[in-house]
Amino acid sequence: MPKITLKTPEQIAIMAEGGKRLAQILEQALKQIEPGISTLEIDTWIDKGIAGAGGLASFKLVPGYRWASCVGLNDEVVHSIPKKDKIIRTGDLLKIDLGMLWQGYNSDLSWTVCIKGEGEKCDVRKEFLDAGKEALKEAIKAAQPGNCIGHISQKIQQVIEGAGYFPIKVLTGHGIGRKLHEDPLIPGFLKGKLSDSPKLWPGMSLAIEVIYGQTSSDVVMENDGWTISTKDGKMSGLFEKTIAVTENGPLILTKFEGN
């Protein structure tokens, strides 16, 4: 059985402030992105932003990981190492995943955008990205006290598969709090019966992640030992927000609208 830690209203308030600051860091980073910059430059901005917000980069606290964020392109799904020679080009799908430890509590946030410029690649990819945003929106709505984790997973699966895409089943969302990764796991598909998944209670804090592929759910680990990419080389999407379950329903702690 998962060991789930409930947070007090005071602890959730701390997480909300940290999440607000994290969302502002991502928003500022996205405003600076243009073709020709490297993914390492983005990580540098994020690292400085987290320090300026009075926090610590959660990802740097993961053993063996040296960067403040994960920054992936196109077929890269998660855990993508920022690199100096990984250059952003027009039409790329850019995934940024960042986390911050602020006053003892973590927040986690991910978003995917298409790098606009000449050509129509981003117009073609809008439908793909819209599916991920809608799945996250519906998944958060399902985080109601009395529901189960399975209700969240079910919504992700319904929206993603309904749009013709594939939830990546070996990667999940997770609980979050004093640790970046806590129980329970939150799959992007319904695994077994709804009633078999953990029940949602006020005080739970969750990092809900929508992780999906264009044509398959199969992934591979790259040679760097961190980056996970789609096996078929097709594009992937990643959308994540940190929320708290309250008596009045879900409260988004990383309020970010994206684009």
C-alpha atoms as a PDB file:
ATOM      1  CA  MET A   1       0.000   0.000   0.000  1.00  0.00           C
ATOM      2  CA  PRO A   2       1.296   3.500  -0.801  1.00  0.00           C
ATOM      3  CA  LYS A   3       2.321   5.691   2.113  1.00  0.00           C
ATOM      4  CA  ILE A   4       0.532   8.963   1.432  1.00  0.00           C
ATOM      5  CA  THR A   5       1.378  12.075   3.434  1.00  0.00           C
ATOM      6  CA  LEU A   6      -1.456  14.574   3.898  1.00  0.00           C
ATOM      7  CA  LYS A   7      -0.570  18.257   4.125  1.00  0.00           C
ATOM      8  CA  THR A   8      -2.071  20.847   6.438  1.00  0.00           C
ATOM      9  CA  PRO A   9      -3.667  24.028   5.028  1.00  0.00           C
ATOM     10  CA  GLU A  10      -0.547  25.898   6.161  1.00  0.00           C
ATOM     11  CA  GLN A  11       1.724  23.517   4.278  1.00  0.00           C
ATOM     12  CA  ILE A  12      -0.433  23.758   1.167  1.00  0.00           C
ATOM     13  CA  ALA A  13      -0.179  27.554   1.372  1.00  0.00           C
ATOM     14  CA  ILE A  14       3.617  27.249   1.325  1.00  0.00           C
ATOM     15  CA  MET A  15       3.411  24.951  -1.693  1.00  0.00           C
ATOM     16  CA  ALA A  16       1.069  27.403  -3.427  1.00  0.00           C
ATOM     17  CA  GLU A  17       3.539  30.257  -3.019  1.00  0.00           C
ATOM     18  CA  GLY A  18       6.420  28.096  -4.204  1.00  0.00           C
ATOM     19  CA  GLY A  19       4.335  26.889  -7.131  1.00  0.00           C
ATOM     20  CA  LYS A  20       3.432  30.452  -8.073  1.00  0.00           C
ATOM     21  CA  ARG A  21       7.110  31.394  -8.180  1.00  0.00           C
ATOM     22  CA  LEU A  22       7.958  28.306 -10.227  1.00  0.00           C
ATOM     23  CA  ALA A  23       5.276  29.123 -12.787  1.00  0.00           C
ATOM     24  CA  GLN A  24       6.668  32.657 -13.117  1.00  0.00           C
ATOM     25  CA  ILE A  25      10.136  31.225 -13.792  1.00  0.00           C
ATOM     26  CA  LEU A  26       8.793  29.034 -16.597  1.00  0.00           C
ATOM     27  CA  GLU A  27       6.815  31.927 -18.055  1.00  0.00           C
ATOM     28  CA  GLN A  28       9.895  34.147 -18.159  1.00  0.00           C
ATOM     29  CA  ALA A  29      11.994  31.404 -19.728  1.00  0.00           C
ATOM     30  CA  LEU A  30       9.459  30.804 -22.495  1.00  0.00           C
ATOM     31  CA  LYS A  31       9.404  34.508 -23.349  1.00  0.00           C
ATOM     32  CA  GLN A  32      13.143  34.406 -24.122  1.00  0.00           C
ATOM     33  CA  ILE A  33      13.138  31.300 -26.304  1.00  0.00           C
ATOM     34  CA  GLU A  34      13.802  31.647 -30.019  1.00  0.00           C
ATOM     35  CA  PRO A  35      15.386  29.522 -32.745  1.00  0.00           C
ATOM     36  CA  GLY A  36      19.175  29.269 -32.469  1.00  0.00           C
ATOM     37  CA  ILE A  37      19.535  29.061 -28.690  1.00  0.00           C
ATOM     38  CA  SER A  38      20.611  25.871 -26.933  1.00  0.00           C
ATOM     39  CA  THR A  39      18.689  23.857 -24.383  1.00  0.00           C
ATOM     40  CA  LEU A  40      21.552  24.493 -21.961  1.00  0.00           C
ATOM     41  CA  GLU A  41      20.890  28.244 -22.193  1.00  0.00           C
ATOM     42  CA  ILE A  42      17.285  27.605 -21.124  1.00  0.00           C
ATOM     43  CA  ASP A  43      18.494  25.576 -18.151  1.00  0.00           C
ATOM     44  CA  THR A  44      20.828  28.412 -17.154  1.00  0.00           C
ATOM     45  CA  TRP A  45      17.912  30.874 -17.136  1.00  0.00           C
ATOM     46  CA  ILE A  46      15.834  28.492 -15.035  1.00  0.00           C
ATOM     47  CA  ASP A  47      18.677  27.857 -12.595  1.00  0.00           C
ATOM     48  CA  LYS A  48      19.156  31.596 -12.056  1.00  0.00           C
ATOM     49  CA  GLY A  49      15.393  32.116 -11.751  1.00  0.00           C
ATOM     50  CA  ILE A  50      15.060  29.482  -9.034  1.00  0.00           C
ATOM     51  CA  ALA A  51      17.968  30.976  -7.084  1.00  0.00           C
ATOM     52  CA  GLY A  52      16.443  34.436  -7.471  1.00  0.00           C
ATOM     53  CA  ALA A  53      13.132  33.147  -6.123  1.00  0.00           C
ATOM     54  CA  GLY A  54      14.850  31.951  -2.954  1.00  0.00           C
ATOM     55  CA  GLY A  55      14.518  28.278  -3.797  1.00  0.00           C
ATOM     56  CA  LEU A  56      16.627  25.263  -4.648  1.00  0.00           C
ATOM     57  CA  ALA A  57      16.413  23.398  -7.938  1.00  0.00           C
ATOM     58  CA  SER A  58      14.654  20.149  -7.007  1.00  0.00           C
ATOM     59  CA  PHE A  59      16.167  18.249  -9.917  1.00  0.00           C
ATOM     60  CA  LYS A  60      19.715  19.044  -8.755  1.00  0.00           C
ATOM     61  CA  LEU A  61      18.880  17.186  -5.549  1.00  0.00           C
ATOM     62  CA  VAL A  62      18.236  13.984  -7.522  1.00  0.00           C
ATOM     63  CA  PRO A  63      21.380  11.819  -7.182  1.00  0.00           C
ATOM     64  CA  GLY A  64      23.515  12.018 -10.318  1.00  0.00           C
ATOM     65  CA  TYR A  65      21.581  14.848 -12.003  1.00  0.00           C
ATOM     66  CA  ARG A  66      23.435  18.185 -12.342  1.00  0.00           C
ATOM     67  CA  TRP A  67      20.866  20.433 -14.053  1.00  0.00           C
ATOM     68  CA  ALA A  68      17.998  22.592 -12.809  1.00  0.00           C
ATOM     69  CA  SER A  69      15.600  21.362 -15.479  1.00  0.00           C
ATOM     70  CA  CYS A  70      14.992  18.785 -18.168  1.00  0.00           C
ATOM     71  CA  VAL A  71      14.731  20.293 -21.657  1.00  0.00           C
ATOM     72  CA  GLY A  72      13.736  17.970 -24.491  1.00  0.00           C
ATOM     73  CA  LEU A  73      13.020  18.294 -28.199  1.00  0.00           C
ATOM     74  CA  ASN A  74      10.584  16.472 -30.486  1.00  0.00           C
ATOM     75  CA  ASP A  75      10.833  12.703 -29.763  1.00  0.00           C
ATOM     76  CA  GLU A  76      12.466  13.215 -26.354  1.00  0.00           C
ATOM     77  CA  VAL A  77       9.855  12.445 -23.709  1.00  0.00           C
ATOM     78  CA  VAL A  78      11.268  13.086 -20.216  1.00  0.00           C
ATOM     79  CA  HIS A  79      14.522  13.497 -18.260  1.00  0.00           C
ATOM     80  CA  SER A  80      16.229  15.183 -21.220  1.00  0.00           C
ATOM     81  CA  ILE A  81      19.637  16.582 -20.289  1.00  0.00           C
ATOM     82  CA  PRO A  82      20.134  20.232 -21.353  1.00  0.00           C
ATOM     83  CA  LYS A  83      23.071  20.429 -23.756  1.00  0.00           C
ATOM     84  CA  LYS A  84      25.157  23.174 -25.340  1.00  0.00           C
ATOM     85  CA  ASP A  85      24.994  21.524 -28.755  1.00  0.00           C
ATOM     86  CA  LYS A  86      21.258  20.819 -28.680  1.00  0.00           C
ATOM     87  CA  ILE A  87      20.014  23.818 -30.700  1.00  0.00           C
ATOM     88  CA  ILE A  88      16.370  24.833 -30.985  1.00  0.00           C
ATOM     89  CA  ARG A  89      14.989  25.210 -34.492  1.00  0.00           C
ATOM     90  CA  THR A  90      11.757  26.485 -35.998  1.00  0.00           C
ATOM     91  CA  GLY A  91       8.977  23.896 -35.734  1.00  0.00           C
ATOM     92  CA  ASP A  92      10.592  21.960 -32.871  1.00  0.00           C
ATOM     93  CA  LEU A  93       8.455  20.658 -30.046  1.00  0.00           C
ATOM     94  CA  LEU A  94      10.146  21.931 -26.894  1.00  0.00           C
ATOM     95  CA  LYS A  95       9.479  20.290 -23.515  1.00  0.00           C
ATOM     96  CA  ILE A  96      10.563  22.005 -20.298  1.00  0.00           C
ATOM     97  CA  ASP A  97      10.266  20.253 -16.941  1.00  0.00           C
ATOM     98  CA  LEU A  98      11.339  22.081 -13.776  1.00  0.00           C
ATOM     99  CA  GLY A  99      10.948  21.761 -10.025  1.00  0.00           C
ATOM    100  CA  MET A 100      11.726  23.917  -7.018  1.00  0.00           C
ATOM    101  CA  LEU A 101      12.178  23.258  -3.316  1.00  0.00           C
ATOM    102  CA  TRP A 102      10.874  26.337  -1.506  1.00  0.00           C
ATOM    103  CA  GLN A 103      10.639  26.592   2.287  1.00  0.00           C
ATOM    104  CA  GLY A 104      10.868  22.823   2.591  1.00  0.00           C
ATOM    105  CA  TYR A 105       8.285  21.840  -0.036  1.00  0.00           C
ATOM    106  CA  ASN A 106       8.587  20.939  -3.703  1.00  0.00           C
ATOM    107  CA  SER A 107       6.555  21.965  -6.724  1.00  0.00           C
ATOM    108  CA  ASP A 108       6.846  20.424 -10.191  1.00  0.00           C
ATOM    109  CA  LEU A 109       5.772  21.822 -13.570  1.00  0.00           C
ATOM    110  CA  SER A 110       6.136  20.794 -17.227  1.00  0.00           C
ATOM    111  CA  TRP A 111       4.961  22.263 -20.520  1.00  0.00           C
ATOM    112  CA  THR A 112       5.374  21.650 -24.247  1.00  0.00           C
ATOM    113  CA  VAL A 113       5.411  24.360 -26.924  1.00  0.00           C
ATOM    114  CA  CYS A 114       6.090  24.504 -30.630  1.00  0.00           C
ATOM    115  CA  ILE A 115       8.820  26.935 -31.702  1.00  0.00           C
ATOM    116  CA  LYS A 116       7.166  29.241 -34.193  1.00  0.00           C
ATOM    117  CA  GLY A 117       8.771  30.780 -37.245  1.00  0.00           C
ATOM    118  CA  GLU A 118       8.623  30.287 -40.981  1.00  0.00           C
ATOM    119  CA  GLY A 119       6.522  27.405 -42.262  1.00  0.00           C
ATOM    120  CA  GLU A 120       3.412  25.682 -40.930  1.00  0.00           C
ATOM    121  CA  LYS A 121       4.817  22.942 -38.696  1.00  0.00           C
ATOM    122  CA  CYS A 122       3.314  24.429 -35.546  1.00  0.00           C
ATOM    123  CA  ASP A 123      -0.123  24.651 -37.156  1.00  0.00           C
ATOM    124  CA  VAL A 124       0.039  20.936 -37.900  1.00  0.00           C
ATOM    125  CA  ARG A 125       1.160  20.141 -34.353  1.00  0.00           C
ATOM    126  CA  LYS A 126      -1.454  22.286 -32.592  1.00  0.00           C
ATOM    127  CA  GLU A 127      -3.970  19.438 -32.445  1.00  0.00           C
ATOM    128  CA  PHE A 128      -1.375  17.185 -30.832  1.00  0.00           C
ATOM    129  CA  LEU A 129      -0.543  19.732 -28.140  1.00  0.00           C
ATOM    130  CA  ASP A 130      -4.175  20.674 -27.550  1.00  0.00           C
ATOM    131  CA  ALA A 131      -4.913  17.046 -26.660  1.00  0.00           C
ATOM    132  CA  GLY A 132      -2.298  17.122 -23.909  1.00  0.00           C
ATOM    133  CA  LYS A 133      -3.564  20.400 -22.479  1.00  0.00           C
ATOM    134  CA  GLU A 134      -7.164  19.136 -22.490  1.00  0.00           C
ATOM    135  CA  ALA A 135      -6.150  15.863 -20.844  1.00  0.00           C
ATOM    136  CA  LEU A 136      -4.378  17.727 -18.041  1.00  0.00           C
ATOM    137  CA  LYS A 137      -7.348  20.034 -17.557  1.00  0.00           C
ATOM    138  CA  GLU A 138      -9.792  17.119 -17.292  1.00  0.00           C
ATOM    139  CA  ALA A 139      -7.444  15.111 -15.068  1.00  0.00           C
ATOM    140  CA  ILE A 140      -7.200  17.995 -12.609  1.00  0.00           C
ATOM    141  CA  LYS A 141     -10.998  18.328 -12.546  1.00  0.00           C
ATOM    142  CA  ALA A 142     -11.176  14.660 -11.528  1.00  0.00           C
ATOM    143  CA  ALA A 143      -9.014  15.263  -8.429  1.00  0.00           C
ATOM    144  CA  GLN A 144     -12.045  15.537  -6.172  1.00  0.00           C
ATOM    145  CA  PRO A 145     -12.155  14.244  -2.597  1.00  0.00           C
ATOM    146  CA  GLY A 146     -13.949  10.903  -2.602  1.00  0.00           C
ATOM    147  CA  ASN A 147     -12.721  10.046  -6.093  1.00  0.00           C
ATOM    148  CA  CYS A 148      -9.732   7.765  -6.658  1.00  0.00           C
ATOM    149  CA  ILE A 149      -6.380   8.140  -8.401  1.00  0.00           C
ATOM    150  CA  GLY A 150      -7.935   5.958 -11.083  1.00  0.00           C
ATOM    151  CA  HIS A 151     -10.400   8.723 -11.959  1.00  0.00           C
ATOM    152  CA  ILE A 152      -7.442  10.982 -12.805  1.00  0.00           C
ATOM    153  CA  SER A 153      -5.753   8.239 -14.819  1.00  0.00           C
ATOM    154  CA  GLN A 154      -8.973   7.409 -16.624  1.00  0.00           C
ATOM    155  CA  LYS A 155      -9.483  11.003 -17.763  1.00  0.00           C
ATOM    156  CA  ILE A 156      -5.957  11.225 -19.150  1.00  0.00           C
ATOM    157  CA  GLN A 157      -6.441   7.992 -21.066  1.00  0.00           C
ATOM    158  CA  GLN A 158      -9.854   8.950 -22.412  1.00  0.00           C
ATOM    159  CA  VAL A 159      -8.727  12.307 -23.776  1.00  0.00           C
ATOM    160  CA  ILE A 160      -5.387  11.157 -25.188  1.00  0.00           C
ATOM    161  CA  GLU A 161      -6.677   7.970 -26.792  1.00  0.00           C
ATOM    162  CA  GLY A 162      -9.832   9.766 -27.925  1.00  0.00           C
ATOM    163  CA  ALA A 163      -7.616  12.145 -29.907  1.00  0.00           C
ATOM    164  CA  GLY A 164      -5.800   9.204 -31.496  1.00  0.00           C
ATOM    165  CA  TYR A 165      -2.622   9.325 -29.410  1.00  0.00           C
ATOM    166  CA  PHE A 166      -0.954   7.021 -26.882  1.00  0.00           C
ATOM    167  CA  PRO A 167      -0.398   7.469 -23.122  1.00  0.00           C
ATOM    168  CA  ILE A 168       3.136   6.376 -22.257  1.00  0.00           C
ATOM    169  CA  LYS A 169       2.453   3.685 -19.689  1.00  0.00           C
ATOM    170  CA  VAL A 170       5.887   3.247 -18.091  1.00  0.00           C
ATOM    171  CA  LEU A 171       5.989   6.891 -16.901  1.00  0.00           C
ATOM    172  CA  THR A 172       3.666   8.357 -14.279  1.00  0.00           C
ATOM    173  CA  GLY A 173       2.728  11.385 -12.240  1.00  0.00           C
ATOM    174  CA  HIS A 174       3.304  11.234  -8.504  1.00  0.00           C
ATOM    175  CA  GLY A 175       2.661  12.621  -5.078  1.00  0.00           C
ATOM    176  CA  ILE A 176       4.810  15.560  -4.041  1.00  0.00           C
ATOM    177  CA  GLY A 177       5.681  17.497  -0.901  1.00  0.00           C
ATOM    178  CA  ARG A 178       8.800  17.480   1.236  1.00  0.00           C
ATOM    179  CA  LYS A 179      10.112  15.000  -1.330  1.00  0.00           C
ATOM    180  CA  LEU A 180       9.954  15.602  -5.058  1.00  0.00           C
ATOM    181  CA  HIS A 181       8.548  12.119  -5.617  1.00  0.00           C
ATOM    182  CA  GLU A 182       6.107  10.753  -3.063  1.00  0.00           C
ATOM    183  CA  ASP A 183       3.279   8.221  -3.112  1.00  0.00           C
ATOM    184  CA  PRO A 184       0.953   7.672  -4.835  1.00  0.00           C
ATOM    185  CA  LEU A 185       1.919   7.002  -8.444  1.00  0.00           C
ATOM    186  CA  ILE A 186      -0.526   8.488 -10.980  1.00  0.00           C
ATOM    187  CA  PRO A 187      -0.531   6.485 -14.226  1.00  0.00           C
ATOM    188  CA  GLY A 188      -1.742   8.037 -17.465  1.00  0.00           C
ATOM    189  CA  PHE A 189      -4.118   5.126 -18.016  1.00  0.00           C
ATOM    190  CA  LEU A 190      -6.581   3.189 -15.874  1.00  0.00           C
ATOM    191  CA  LYS A 191      -4.791   0.220 -14.380  1.00  0.00           C
ATOM    192  CA  GLY A 192      -7.290  -2.301 -13.026  1.00  0.00           C
ATOM    193  CA  LYS A 193     -10.488  -1.205 -11.279  1.00  0.00           C
ATOM    194  CA  LEU A 194     -11.134   2.345 -10.180  1.00  0.00           C
ATOM    195  CA  SER A 195     -11.787   1.138  -6.644  1.00  0.00           C
ATOM    196  CA  ASP A 196      -8.387  -0.581  -6.508  1.00  0.00           C
ATOM    197  CA  SER A 197      -6.527   2.738  -6.792  1.00  0.00           C
ATOM    198  CA  PRO A 198      -5.855   4.993  -3.772  1.00  0.00           C
ATOM    199  CA  LYS A 199      -8.713   7.211  -2.651  1.00  0.00           C
ATOM    200  CA  LEU A 200      -8.328  10.969  -2.839  1.00  0.00           C
ATOM    201  CA  TRP A 201      -8.438  12.851   0.458  1.00  0.00           C
ATOM    202  CA  PRO A 202      -8.184  16.555   1.315  1.00  0.00           C
ATOM    203  CA  GLY A 203      -4.543  17.359   2.020  1.00  0.00           C
ATOM    204  CA  MET A 204      -3.095  15.220  -0.764  1.00  0.00           C
ATOM    205  CA  SER A 205      -0.654  17.048  -3.045  1.00  0.00           C
ATOM    206  CA  LEU A 206      -0.087  15.621  -6.505  1.00  0.00           C
ATOM    207  CA  ALA A 207       2.040  16.265  -9.575  1.00  0.00           C
ATOM    208  CA  ILE A 208      -0.344  15.231 -12.345  1.00  0.00           C
ATOM    209  CA  GLU A 209       1.488  14.467 -15.597  1.00  0.00           C
ATOM    210  CA  VAL A 210       0.180  13.863 -19.089  1.00  0.00           C
ATOM    211  CA  ILE A 211       2.914  11.999 -20.997  1.00  0.00           C
ATOM    212  CA  TYR A 212       2.016  10.726 -24.455  1.00  0.00           C
ATOM    213  CA  GLY A 213       3.300   9.752 -27.875  1.00  0.00           C
ATOM    214  CA  GLN A 214       2.041  10.472 -31.368  1.00  0.00           C
ATOM    215  CA  THR A 215       1.974   6.912 -32.713  1.00  0.00           C
ATOM    216  CA  SER A 216       3.067   4.593 -29.900  1.00  0.00           C
ATOM    217  CA  SER A 217       3.527   4.264 -26.142  1.00  0.00           C
ATOM    218  CA  ASP A 218       6.919   2.560 -26.498  1.00  0.00           C
ATOM    219  CA  VAL A 219      10.026   4.409 -25.281  1.00  0.00           C
ATOM    220  CA  VAL A 220      13.793   3.857 -25.107  1.00  0.00           C
ATOM    221  CA  MET A 221      16.594   5.120 -22.886  1.00  0.00           C
ATOM    222  CA  GLU A 222      19.263   7.152 -24.667  1.00  0.00           C
ATOM    223  CA  ASN A 223      23.004   6.611 -24.185  1.00  0.00           C
ATOM    224  CA  ASP A 224      23.306   9.499 -21.701  1.00  0.00           C
ATOM    225  CA  GLY A 225      21.498   7.359 -19.126  1.00  0.00           C
ATOM    226  CA  TRP A 226      18.766   9.945 -18.492  1.00  0.00           C
ATOM    227  CA  THR A 227      16.921  10.978 -21.645  1.00  0.00           C
ATOM    228  CA  ILE A 228      13.895   8.834 -22.516  1.00  0.00           C
ATOM    229  CA  SER A 229      12.652   9.107 -26.121  1.00  0.00           C
ATOM    230  CA  THR A 230       9.919   7.547 -28.207  1.00  0.00           C
ATOM    231  CA  LYS A 231      11.034   4.235 -29.700  1.00  0.00           C
ATOM    232  CA  ASP A 232       9.704   5.101 -33.162  1.00  0.00           C
ATOM    233  CA  GLY A 233      11.251   8.586 -33.229  1.00  0.00           C
ATOM    234  CA  LYS A 234       7.857  10.312 -33.471  1.00  0.00           C
ATOM    235  CA  MET A 235       6.942  13.338 -31.377  1.00  0.00           C
ATOM    236  CA  SER A 236       5.842  13.254 -27.743  1.00  0.00           C
ATOM    237  CA  GLY A 237       4.067  15.659 -25.428  1.00  0.00           C
ATOM    238  CA  LEU A 238       4.450  16.488 -21.732  1.00  0.00           C
ATOM    239  CA  PHE A 239       2.144  18.594 -19.576  1.00  0.00           C
ATOM    240  CA  GLU A 240       2.241  18.693 -15.772  1.00  0.00           C
ATOM    241  CA  LYS A 241       0.933  20.769 -12.892  1.00  0.00           C
ATOM    242  CA  THR A 242       1.169  20.441  -9.128  1.00  0.00           C
ATOM    243  CA  ILE A 243      -2.199  20.466  -7.358  1.00  0.00           C
ATOM    244  CA  ALA A 244      -3.655  19.950  -3.902  1.00  0.00           C
ATOM    245  CA  VAL A 245      -6.861  18.097  -3.132  1.00  0.00           C
ATOM    246  CA  THR A 246      -9.054  20.212  -0.870  1.00  0.00           C
ATOM    247  CA  GLU A 247     -12.524  19.821   0.586  1.00  0.00           C
ATOM    248  CA  ASN A 248     -13.723  22.151  -2.174  1.00  0.00           C
ATOM    249  CA  GLY A 249     -11.982  20.258  -4.972  1.00  0.00           C
ATOM    250  CA  PRO A 250      -8.606  20.579  -6.699  1.00  0.00           C
ATOM    251  CA  LEU A 251      -6.430  23.631  -6.084  1.00  0.00           C
ATOM    252  CA  ILE A 252      -3.784  24.292  -8.750  1.00  0.00           C
ATOM    253  CA  LEU A 253      -0.512  25.224  -7.047  1.00  0.00           C
ATOM    254  CA  THR A 254       1.512  25.883 -10.220  1.00  0.00           C
ATOM    255  CA  LYS A 255      -0.901  28.224 -12.004  1.00  0.00           C
ATOM    256  CA  PHE A 256       0.377  28.397 -15.544  1.00  0.00           C
ATOM    257  CA  GLU A 257      -1.661  28.967 -18.689  1.00  0.00           C
ATOM    258  CA  GLY A 258       1.051  28.386 -21.271  1.00  0.00           C
ATOM    259  CA  ASN A 259       0.374  29.021 -24.932  1.00  0.00           C
END
